[in-house]
N, C-alpha and C. Protein backbone atom coordinates (compact mmCIF):
# COMPACT_ATOMS: atom_id res chain seq x y z
N MET A 1 58.63 47.72 -43.45
CA MET A 1 58.52 49.16 -43.62
C MET A 1 58.39 49.80 -42.25
N ALA A 2 59.22 50.73 -41.95
CA ALA A 2 59.21 51.43 -40.66
C ALA A 2 58.17 52.54 -40.69
N LEU A 3 57.67 52.87 -39.52
CA LEU A 3 56.71 53.97 -39.43
C LEU A 3 57.39 55.29 -39.75
N PRO A 4 56.71 56.19 -40.39
CA PRO A 4 57.30 57.49 -40.70
C PRO A 4 57.56 58.29 -39.43
N ASP A 5 58.51 59.20 -39.51
CA ASP A 5 58.81 60.08 -38.38
C ASP A 5 57.66 61.04 -38.15
N ASP A 6 57.73 61.75 -37.04
CA ASP A 6 56.69 62.71 -36.69
C ASP A 6 56.57 63.77 -37.77
N GLY A 7 55.39 63.97 -38.28
CA GLY A 7 55.17 64.98 -39.31
C GLY A 7 55.32 64.45 -40.72
N GLU A 8 55.88 63.24 -40.90
CA GLU A 8 55.98 62.68 -42.25
C GLU A 8 54.62 62.21 -42.72
N ARG A 9 54.56 61.87 -43.97
CA ARG A 9 53.28 61.49 -44.54
C ARG A 9 53.24 59.99 -44.81
N TRP A 10 52.01 59.45 -44.74
CA TRP A 10 51.82 58.05 -45.09
C TRP A 10 52.00 57.89 -46.59
N PRO A 11 52.56 56.78 -47.03
CA PRO A 11 52.69 56.56 -48.47
C PRO A 11 51.34 56.46 -49.17
N SER A 12 50.33 55.87 -48.50
CA SER A 12 49.04 55.68 -49.16
C SER A 12 48.17 56.94 -49.13
N ALA A 13 48.45 57.85 -48.22
CA ALA A 13 47.66 59.08 -48.12
C ALA A 13 48.61 60.27 -48.07
N PRO A 14 49.10 60.70 -49.22
CA PRO A 14 50.14 61.74 -49.23
C PRO A 14 49.67 63.10 -48.75
N ASP A 15 48.36 63.33 -48.68
CA ASP A 15 47.90 64.66 -48.28
C ASP A 15 47.60 64.75 -46.78
N ARG A 16 47.78 63.66 -46.02
CA ARG A 16 47.48 63.69 -44.59
C ARG A 16 48.71 63.32 -43.77
N THR A 17 48.87 63.98 -42.64
CA THR A 17 49.94 63.60 -41.72
C THR A 17 49.42 62.49 -40.81
N LEU A 18 50.31 61.91 -40.03
CA LEU A 18 49.91 60.83 -39.12
C LEU A 18 48.89 61.31 -38.11
N GLU A 19 49.08 62.52 -37.58
CA GLU A 19 48.18 63.03 -36.56
C GLU A 19 46.77 63.22 -37.13
N GLU A 20 46.69 63.75 -38.35
CA GLU A 20 45.38 63.96 -38.96
C GLU A 20 44.67 62.63 -39.19
N THR A 21 45.42 61.62 -39.63
CA THR A 21 44.83 60.31 -39.87
C THR A 21 44.32 59.72 -38.57
N TYR A 22 45.10 59.83 -37.51
CA TYR A 22 44.69 59.28 -36.22
C TYR A 22 43.45 59.99 -35.71
N MET A 23 43.40 61.30 -35.82
CA MET A 23 42.27 62.06 -35.30
C MET A 23 40.99 61.75 -36.08
N ARG A 24 41.10 61.52 -37.37
CA ARG A 24 39.91 61.25 -38.17
C ARG A 24 39.35 59.86 -37.90
N HIS A 25 40.20 58.93 -37.53
CA HIS A 25 39.77 57.55 -37.39
C HIS A 25 39.77 57.10 -35.94
N SER A 26 39.43 57.98 -35.03
CA SER A 26 39.37 57.55 -33.64
C SER A 26 38.22 56.58 -33.47
N ARG A 27 38.38 55.62 -32.60
CA ARG A 27 37.41 54.54 -32.46
C ARG A 27 36.14 54.94 -31.75
N PHE A 28 36.28 55.69 -30.69
CA PHE A 28 35.14 55.94 -29.83
C PHE A 28 34.69 57.39 -29.92
N LYS A 29 33.40 57.56 -29.91
CA LYS A 29 32.85 58.91 -29.86
C LYS A 29 32.49 59.21 -28.42
N ARG A 30 32.80 60.38 -27.98
CA ARG A 30 32.47 60.77 -26.62
C ARG A 30 31.00 61.15 -26.55
N ARG A 31 30.39 60.74 -25.48
CA ARG A 31 29.00 61.11 -25.26
C ARG A 31 28.96 62.56 -24.79
N LYS A 32 28.10 63.35 -25.38
CA LYS A 32 28.02 64.76 -25.03
C LYS A 32 27.30 64.92 -23.71
N VAL A 33 27.92 65.67 -22.81
CA VAL A 33 27.35 65.93 -21.50
C VAL A 33 26.76 67.33 -21.53
N PRO A 34 25.54 67.49 -21.07
CA PRO A 34 24.95 68.84 -21.05
C PRO A 34 25.78 69.77 -20.16
N PRO A 35 26.00 71.00 -20.59
CA PRO A 35 26.82 71.92 -19.79
C PRO A 35 26.18 72.30 -18.47
N SER A 36 24.88 72.14 -18.34
CA SER A 36 24.22 72.52 -17.09
C SER A 36 24.29 71.42 -16.03
N LYS A 37 24.79 70.25 -16.39
CA LYS A 37 24.86 69.14 -15.44
C LYS A 37 25.90 69.47 -14.36
N PRO A 38 25.60 69.19 -13.09
CA PRO A 38 26.56 69.47 -12.02
C PRO A 38 27.83 68.63 -12.16
N LYS A 39 28.94 69.20 -11.74
CA LYS A 39 30.22 68.50 -11.78
C LYS A 39 30.26 67.43 -10.69
N ARG A 40 30.99 66.36 -10.94
CA ARG A 40 31.09 65.28 -9.96
C ARG A 40 31.82 65.76 -8.70
N PRO A 41 31.50 65.15 -7.55
CA PRO A 41 32.15 65.59 -6.32
C PRO A 41 33.60 65.12 -6.27
N VAL A 42 34.41 65.84 -5.52
CA VAL A 42 35.81 65.46 -5.36
C VAL A 42 35.93 64.39 -4.29
N THR A 43 36.98 63.59 -4.38
CA THR A 43 37.22 62.54 -3.39
C THR A 43 38.14 63.07 -2.30
N GLY A 44 38.35 62.25 -1.27
CA GLY A 44 39.24 62.64 -0.18
C GLY A 44 40.66 62.85 -0.67
N TYR A 45 41.12 62.00 -1.58
CA TYR A 45 42.46 62.15 -2.12
C TYR A 45 42.58 63.44 -2.93
N ASP A 46 41.53 63.78 -3.68
CA ASP A 46 41.55 65.02 -4.45
C ASP A 46 41.72 66.23 -3.54
N ILE A 47 41.02 66.23 -2.42
CA ILE A 47 41.13 67.35 -1.48
C ILE A 47 42.55 67.42 -0.92
N PHE A 48 43.10 66.26 -0.55
CA PHE A 48 44.49 66.22 -0.05
C PHE A 48 45.45 66.72 -1.12
N PHE A 49 45.24 66.28 -2.35
CA PHE A 49 46.12 66.67 -3.46
C PHE A 49 46.08 68.18 -3.69
N ARG A 50 44.86 68.74 -3.69
CA ARG A 50 44.73 70.18 -3.94
C ARG A 50 45.36 71.01 -2.83
N ASN A 51 45.36 70.50 -1.61
CA ASN A 51 45.96 71.24 -0.51
C ASN A 51 47.48 71.13 -0.48
N THR A 52 48.03 69.99 -0.88
CA THR A 52 49.48 69.79 -0.77
C THR A 52 50.25 70.16 -2.03
N TYR A 53 49.61 70.15 -3.20
CA TYR A 53 50.33 70.42 -4.45
C TYR A 53 51.03 71.78 -4.45
N PRO A 54 50.35 72.88 -4.08
CA PRO A 54 51.06 74.17 -4.13
C PRO A 54 52.28 74.23 -3.20
N GLN A 55 52.18 73.58 -2.03
CA GLN A 55 53.32 73.59 -1.11
C GLN A 55 54.50 72.82 -1.69
N ILE A 56 54.23 71.66 -2.25
CA ILE A 56 55.30 70.83 -2.83
C ILE A 56 55.93 71.56 -4.01
N LYS A 57 55.12 72.16 -4.86
CA LYS A 57 55.62 72.88 -6.04
C LYS A 57 56.50 74.06 -5.62
N LYS A 58 56.08 74.74 -4.55
CA LYS A 58 56.83 75.91 -4.08
C LYS A 58 58.16 75.48 -3.45
N ASN A 59 58.15 74.40 -2.67
CA ASN A 59 59.37 73.94 -1.99
C ASN A 59 60.34 73.22 -2.92
N ASN A 60 59.85 72.63 -4.00
CA ASN A 60 60.69 71.86 -4.93
C ASN A 60 60.46 72.34 -6.36
N PRO A 61 60.98 73.49 -6.74
CA PRO A 61 60.71 74.00 -8.10
C PRO A 61 61.36 73.17 -9.20
N SER A 62 62.37 72.36 -8.88
CA SER A 62 63.05 71.58 -9.91
C SER A 62 62.31 70.28 -10.25
N MET A 63 61.32 69.89 -9.45
CA MET A 63 60.58 68.64 -9.71
C MET A 63 59.61 68.84 -10.88
N THR A 64 59.51 67.81 -11.70
CA THR A 64 58.54 67.84 -12.80
C THR A 64 57.17 67.44 -12.26
N GLN A 65 56.14 67.66 -13.06
CA GLN A 65 54.79 67.33 -12.60
C GLN A 65 54.61 65.84 -12.31
N PRO A 66 55.07 64.93 -13.17
CA PRO A 66 54.92 63.51 -12.82
C PRO A 66 55.62 63.15 -11.52
N GLN A 67 56.77 63.75 -11.27
CA GLN A 67 57.47 63.49 -10.01
C GLN A 67 56.66 64.01 -8.83
N ILE A 68 56.06 65.19 -8.99
CA ILE A 68 55.25 65.75 -7.91
C ILE A 68 54.03 64.86 -7.67
N TYR A 69 53.40 64.38 -8.75
CA TYR A 69 52.23 63.52 -8.60
C TYR A 69 52.58 62.24 -7.84
N SER A 70 53.68 61.60 -8.21
CA SER A 70 54.07 60.37 -7.53
C SER A 70 54.47 60.64 -6.09
N TYR A 71 55.10 61.77 -5.83
CA TYR A 71 55.50 62.14 -4.46
C TYR A 71 54.25 62.34 -3.58
N ILE A 72 53.25 63.04 -4.11
CA ILE A 72 52.02 63.27 -3.34
C ILE A 72 51.29 61.94 -3.12
N GLY A 73 51.29 61.06 -4.10
CA GLY A 73 50.68 59.75 -3.93
C GLY A 73 51.36 58.94 -2.84
N ARG A 74 52.70 58.98 -2.82
CA ARG A 74 53.44 58.30 -1.76
C ARG A 74 53.13 58.90 -0.40
N MET A 75 53.02 60.24 -0.35
CA MET A 75 52.67 60.90 0.91
C MET A 75 51.31 60.42 1.40
N TRP A 76 50.35 60.33 0.50
CA TRP A 76 48.99 59.91 0.87
C TRP A 76 49.00 58.47 1.42
N ARG A 77 49.75 57.60 0.76
CA ARG A 77 49.77 56.19 1.17
C ARG A 77 50.58 55.97 2.45
N GLU A 78 51.71 56.64 2.57
CA GLU A 78 52.65 56.29 3.64
C GLU A 78 52.68 57.27 4.80
N ASN A 79 52.52 58.57 4.54
CA ASN A 79 52.78 59.56 5.59
C ASN A 79 51.53 60.12 6.27
N THR A 80 50.37 59.95 5.69
CA THR A 80 49.19 60.54 6.32
C THR A 80 48.63 59.59 7.37
N THR A 81 48.18 60.17 8.46
CA THR A 81 47.56 59.37 9.51
C THR A 81 46.09 59.16 9.19
N TRP A 82 45.49 58.28 9.96
CA TRP A 82 44.08 57.99 9.76
C TRP A 82 43.25 59.24 10.00
N LEU A 83 43.61 60.06 10.99
CA LEU A 83 42.86 61.28 11.30
C LEU A 83 42.94 62.29 10.16
N ASP A 84 44.14 62.43 9.57
CA ASP A 84 44.28 63.35 8.44
C ASP A 84 43.41 62.91 7.26
N ARG A 85 43.41 61.63 7.01
CA ARG A 85 42.58 61.11 5.92
C ARG A 85 41.10 61.31 6.24
N GLN A 86 40.73 61.10 7.50
CA GLN A 86 39.33 61.23 7.88
C GLN A 86 38.82 62.65 7.67
N ILE A 87 39.67 63.65 7.92
CA ILE A 87 39.29 65.04 7.66
C ILE A 87 38.98 65.24 6.17
N CYS A 88 39.85 64.70 5.33
CA CYS A 88 39.64 64.81 3.88
C CYS A 88 38.37 64.07 3.46
N TYR A 89 38.14 62.90 4.04
CA TYR A 89 36.95 62.12 3.69
C TYR A 89 35.68 62.84 4.14
N ASP A 90 35.73 63.54 5.28
CA ASP A 90 34.56 64.28 5.75
C ASP A 90 34.21 65.41 4.77
N PHE A 91 35.24 66.13 4.32
CA PHE A 91 34.99 67.18 3.32
C PHE A 91 34.41 66.57 2.04
N ALA A 92 34.93 65.40 1.66
CA ALA A 92 34.44 64.74 0.45
C ALA A 92 32.98 64.31 0.61
N ASP A 93 32.61 63.85 1.81
CA ASP A 93 31.22 63.46 2.05
C ASP A 93 30.29 64.67 1.94
N ASP A 94 30.74 65.81 2.47
CA ASP A 94 29.94 67.03 2.33
C ASP A 94 29.76 67.40 0.86
N GLU A 95 30.83 67.29 0.10
CA GLU A 95 30.76 67.58 -1.34
C GLU A 95 29.82 66.60 -2.05
N LYS A 96 29.87 65.34 -1.64
CA LYS A 96 29.01 64.33 -2.26
C LYS A 96 27.53 64.63 -1.98
N ASP A 97 27.22 65.02 -0.74
CA ASP A 97 25.84 65.37 -0.40
C ASP A 97 25.36 66.57 -1.21
N ARG A 98 26.23 67.58 -1.33
CA ARG A 98 25.89 68.76 -2.12
C ARG A 98 25.66 68.37 -3.59
N TYR A 99 26.51 67.49 -4.11
CA TYR A 99 26.40 67.06 -5.50
C TYR A 99 25.07 66.35 -5.76
N TYR A 100 24.71 65.42 -4.88
CA TYR A 100 23.47 64.67 -5.10
C TYR A 100 22.24 65.58 -5.00
N ALA A 101 22.29 66.57 -4.12
CA ALA A 101 21.18 67.53 -4.04
C ALA A 101 21.08 68.32 -5.34
N GLU A 102 22.23 68.74 -5.88
CA GLU A 102 22.23 69.49 -7.15
C GLU A 102 21.74 68.62 -8.30
N VAL A 103 22.10 67.34 -8.29
CA VAL A 103 21.66 66.44 -9.36
C VAL A 103 20.15 66.28 -9.34
N ILE A 104 19.57 66.16 -8.14
CA ILE A 104 18.12 66.02 -8.04
C ILE A 104 17.43 67.25 -8.60
N GLU A 105 17.92 68.44 -8.23
CA GLU A 105 17.35 69.69 -8.76
C GLU A 105 17.52 69.77 -10.27
N TRP A 106 18.71 69.39 -10.75
CA TRP A 106 19.00 69.45 -12.18
C TRP A 106 18.07 68.53 -12.96
N ARG A 107 17.82 67.33 -12.43
CA ARG A 107 16.94 66.39 -13.13
C ARG A 107 15.51 66.91 -13.19
N LYS A 108 15.05 67.56 -12.10
CA LYS A 108 13.70 68.12 -12.12
C LYS A 108 13.60 69.21 -13.18
N LYS A 109 14.60 70.11 -13.22
CA LYS A 109 14.60 71.17 -14.23
C LYS A 109 14.66 70.58 -15.63
N ARG A 110 15.47 69.55 -15.78
CA ARG A 110 15.64 68.93 -17.09
C ARG A 110 14.34 68.28 -17.55
N GLU A 111 13.64 67.61 -16.63
CA GLU A 111 12.36 67.00 -16.98
C GLU A 111 11.35 68.06 -17.41
N LYS A 112 11.34 69.20 -16.69
CA LYS A 112 10.43 70.29 -17.08
C LYS A 112 10.77 70.79 -18.48
N MET A 113 12.06 70.95 -18.75
CA MET A 113 12.48 71.43 -20.07
C MET A 113 12.13 70.41 -21.16
N LEU A 114 12.36 69.13 -20.87
CA LEU A 114 12.03 68.11 -21.86
C LEU A 114 10.53 68.06 -22.12
N GLU A 115 9.73 68.20 -21.06
CA GLU A 115 8.28 68.22 -21.22
C GLU A 115 7.86 69.44 -22.05
N PHE A 116 8.48 70.58 -21.77
CA PHE A 116 8.19 71.79 -22.54
C PHE A 116 8.56 71.58 -24.01
N ASP A 117 9.72 70.96 -24.26
CA ASP A 117 10.14 70.69 -25.64
C ASP A 117 9.17 69.74 -26.33
N ARG A 118 8.70 68.72 -25.60
CA ARG A 118 7.74 67.79 -26.20
C ARG A 118 6.46 68.52 -26.59
N GLU A 119 5.96 69.36 -25.68
CA GLU A 119 4.74 70.12 -25.97
C GLU A 119 4.96 71.05 -27.16
N ALA A 120 6.13 71.70 -27.19
CA ALA A 120 6.42 72.61 -28.29
C ALA A 120 6.50 71.85 -29.61
N SER A 121 7.10 70.67 -29.59
CA SER A 121 7.19 69.91 -30.83
C SER A 121 5.82 69.43 -31.29
N LYS A 122 4.94 69.10 -30.32
CA LYS A 122 3.58 68.71 -30.70
C LYS A 122 2.84 69.86 -31.37
N THR A 123 2.99 71.07 -30.84
CA THR A 123 2.32 72.21 -31.45
C THR A 123 2.89 72.50 -32.83
N VAL A 124 4.19 72.32 -32.99
CA VAL A 124 4.80 72.54 -34.31
C VAL A 124 4.27 71.52 -35.31
N ILE A 125 4.14 70.28 -34.88
CA ILE A 125 3.61 69.24 -35.77
C ILE A 125 2.16 69.55 -36.15
N LYS A 126 1.36 69.97 -35.17
CA LYS A 126 -0.04 70.31 -35.47
C LYS A 126 -0.11 71.48 -36.44
N ARG A 127 0.75 72.47 -36.25
CA ARG A 127 0.77 73.64 -37.13
C ARG A 127 1.12 73.20 -38.56
N ARG A 128 2.10 72.31 -38.69
CA ARG A 128 2.48 71.82 -40.02
C ARG A 128 1.32 71.08 -40.68
N GLU A 129 0.65 70.24 -39.88
CA GLU A 129 -0.48 69.49 -40.44
C GLU A 129 -1.58 70.43 -40.92
N ARG A 130 -1.84 71.50 -40.15
CA ARG A 130 -2.86 72.46 -40.58
C ARG A 130 -2.46 73.14 -41.88
N ARG A 131 -1.19 73.51 -42.00
CA ARG A 131 -0.72 74.16 -43.23
C ARG A 131 -0.85 73.22 -44.42
N ILE A 132 -0.48 71.96 -44.21
CA ILE A 132 -0.59 70.99 -45.30
C ILE A 132 -2.04 70.80 -45.69
N ALA A 133 -2.92 70.74 -44.69
CA ALA A 133 -4.35 70.56 -44.97
C ALA A 133 -4.91 71.76 -45.74
N GLU A 134 -4.42 72.96 -45.45
CA GLU A 134 -4.89 74.14 -46.18
C GLU A 134 -4.42 74.12 -47.62
N ILE A 135 -3.21 73.65 -47.84
CA ILE A 135 -2.63 73.67 -49.18
C ILE A 135 -3.18 72.53 -50.03
N GLN A 136 -3.25 71.32 -49.48
CA GLN A 136 -3.64 70.16 -50.25
C GLN A 136 -5.12 69.84 -50.02
N PRO A 137 -5.80 69.36 -51.04
CA PRO A 137 -7.21 68.99 -50.87
C PRO A 137 -7.33 67.74 -50.01
N GLN A 138 -8.44 67.64 -49.28
CA GLN A 138 -8.65 66.49 -48.42
C GLN A 138 -9.19 65.30 -49.20
N ASN A 139 -9.75 65.55 -50.33
CA ASN A 139 -10.36 64.48 -51.10
C ASN A 139 -9.85 64.59 -52.53
N VAL A 140 -9.36 63.49 -53.04
CA VAL A 140 -8.84 63.49 -54.41
C VAL A 140 -9.97 63.76 -55.40
N ALA A 141 -11.20 63.38 -55.04
CA ALA A 141 -12.34 63.59 -55.93
C ALA A 141 -12.57 65.07 -56.18
N GLU A 142 -12.23 65.92 -55.22
CA GLU A 142 -12.41 67.36 -55.41
C GLU A 142 -11.53 67.87 -56.54
N GLU A 143 -10.35 67.28 -56.70
CA GLU A 143 -9.46 67.70 -57.79
C GLU A 143 -10.07 67.38 -59.14
N VAL A 144 -10.69 66.21 -59.22
CA VAL A 144 -11.20 65.74 -60.50
C VAL A 144 -12.60 66.26 -60.76
N ARG A 145 -13.32 66.65 -59.71
CA ARG A 145 -14.71 67.07 -59.85
C ARG A 145 -14.83 68.25 -60.83
N GLY A 146 -13.86 69.10 -60.83
CA GLY A 146 -13.89 70.23 -61.75
C GLY A 146 -13.84 69.78 -63.20
N GLN A 147 -13.35 68.56 -63.46
CA GLN A 147 -13.27 68.03 -64.81
C GLN A 147 -14.51 67.24 -65.18
N GLY A 148 -15.48 67.09 -64.24
CA GLY A 148 -16.71 66.38 -64.54
C GLY A 148 -16.61 64.89 -64.32
N GLN A 149 -15.56 64.39 -63.71
CA GLN A 149 -15.41 62.97 -63.45
C GLN A 149 -15.49 62.73 -61.94
N ALA A 150 -15.93 61.56 -61.52
CA ALA A 150 -16.06 61.25 -60.10
C ALA A 150 -15.17 60.07 -59.73
N LEU A 151 -14.73 60.06 -58.50
CA LEU A 151 -13.92 58.96 -57.96
C LEU A 151 -14.68 58.30 -56.82
N PRO A 152 -14.40 57.03 -56.53
CA PRO A 152 -15.04 56.38 -55.39
C PRO A 152 -14.72 57.11 -54.09
N GLN A 153 -15.58 56.95 -53.09
CA GLN A 153 -15.45 57.66 -51.83
C GLN A 153 -14.18 57.24 -51.08
N LYS A 154 -13.74 55.98 -51.23
CA LYS A 154 -12.59 55.53 -50.46
C LYS A 154 -11.26 56.08 -50.99
N CYS A 155 -11.28 56.89 -52.02
CA CYS A 155 -10.06 57.46 -52.58
C CYS A 155 -9.77 58.82 -51.95
N ARG A 156 -9.76 58.90 -50.66
CA ARG A 156 -9.40 60.14 -49.98
C ARG A 156 -7.89 60.35 -50.08
N TYR A 157 -7.50 61.59 -49.94
CA TYR A 157 -6.09 61.92 -50.05
C TYR A 157 -5.31 61.31 -48.89
N ASP A 158 -4.28 60.59 -49.21
CA ASP A 158 -3.40 60.03 -48.19
C ASP A 158 -1.97 60.15 -48.71
N GLU A 159 -1.08 60.63 -47.86
CA GLU A 159 0.30 60.85 -48.30
C GLU A 159 0.99 59.54 -48.66
N ARG A 160 0.57 58.45 -48.01
CA ARG A 160 1.26 57.19 -48.23
C ARG A 160 0.83 56.49 -49.52
N ILE A 161 -0.35 56.77 -50.01
CA ILE A 161 -0.87 56.08 -51.19
C ILE A 161 -1.10 57.09 -52.30
N ASN A 162 -0.58 56.80 -53.44
CA ASN A 162 -0.83 57.64 -54.60
C ASN A 162 -2.08 57.09 -55.28
N SER A 163 -3.09 57.92 -55.46
CA SER A 163 -4.38 57.45 -55.98
C SER A 163 -4.25 56.87 -57.38
N ARG A 164 -3.26 57.27 -58.12
CA ARG A 164 -3.10 56.75 -59.47
C ARG A 164 -2.60 55.30 -59.47
N ASP A 165 -1.99 54.87 -58.34
CA ASP A 165 -1.47 53.51 -58.25
C ASP A 165 -2.51 52.50 -57.80
N VAL A 166 -3.58 52.96 -57.18
CA VAL A 166 -4.60 52.06 -56.65
C VAL A 166 -5.63 51.79 -57.75
N ASP A 167 -5.97 50.51 -57.96
CA ASP A 167 -6.90 50.13 -59.02
C ASP A 167 -8.29 50.69 -58.79
N ASP A 168 -8.76 50.72 -57.53
CA ASP A 168 -10.11 51.20 -57.24
C ASP A 168 -10.24 52.70 -57.48
N CYS A 169 -9.15 53.41 -57.51
CA CYS A 169 -9.20 54.87 -57.62
C CYS A 169 -8.98 55.36 -59.05
N LYS A 170 -9.11 54.48 -60.02
CA LYS A 170 -8.94 54.90 -61.40
C LYS A 170 -10.12 55.76 -61.83
N ILE A 171 -9.84 56.74 -62.64
CA ILE A 171 -10.91 57.60 -63.15
C ILE A 171 -11.71 56.79 -64.16
N GLN A 172 -13.05 56.79 -63.98
CA GLN A 172 -13.91 55.97 -64.83
C GLN A 172 -14.45 56.76 -65.99
């Protein structure tokens, strides 16, 4: 059986196109990067590429992008002198230093925010516990006391144990 043409449907899944099936079943999930994280520094080749690409594109409008990319790569490998490369590497080192300084600041800010979030979540949990304590009785015996029956002292209210399931907490 040959693969269907572009836009055709799979025989087993008539309501999905090939593209939809591929997109739904991708193998890897990308890790989400916080938008406030600093961008990675550029390399020496990146600086060379950014400086030469507009000139090449302007002088050779008939070249396609892959051709321009391979041409610039050949220029970097074969036509640039050591001094030209060193200039690009120096700019890249400056960018790298700036990047690492930004990362250190970003991590400090992030730690402060995470600490603030932890404190906020602790207060929210405490608030919830207080509300639950106000609504629910602290002692199961208080519920039954109004009926004139008593329960042992160890039958305090606990969310994990239902007093009706414990033999010692049976109403006598």
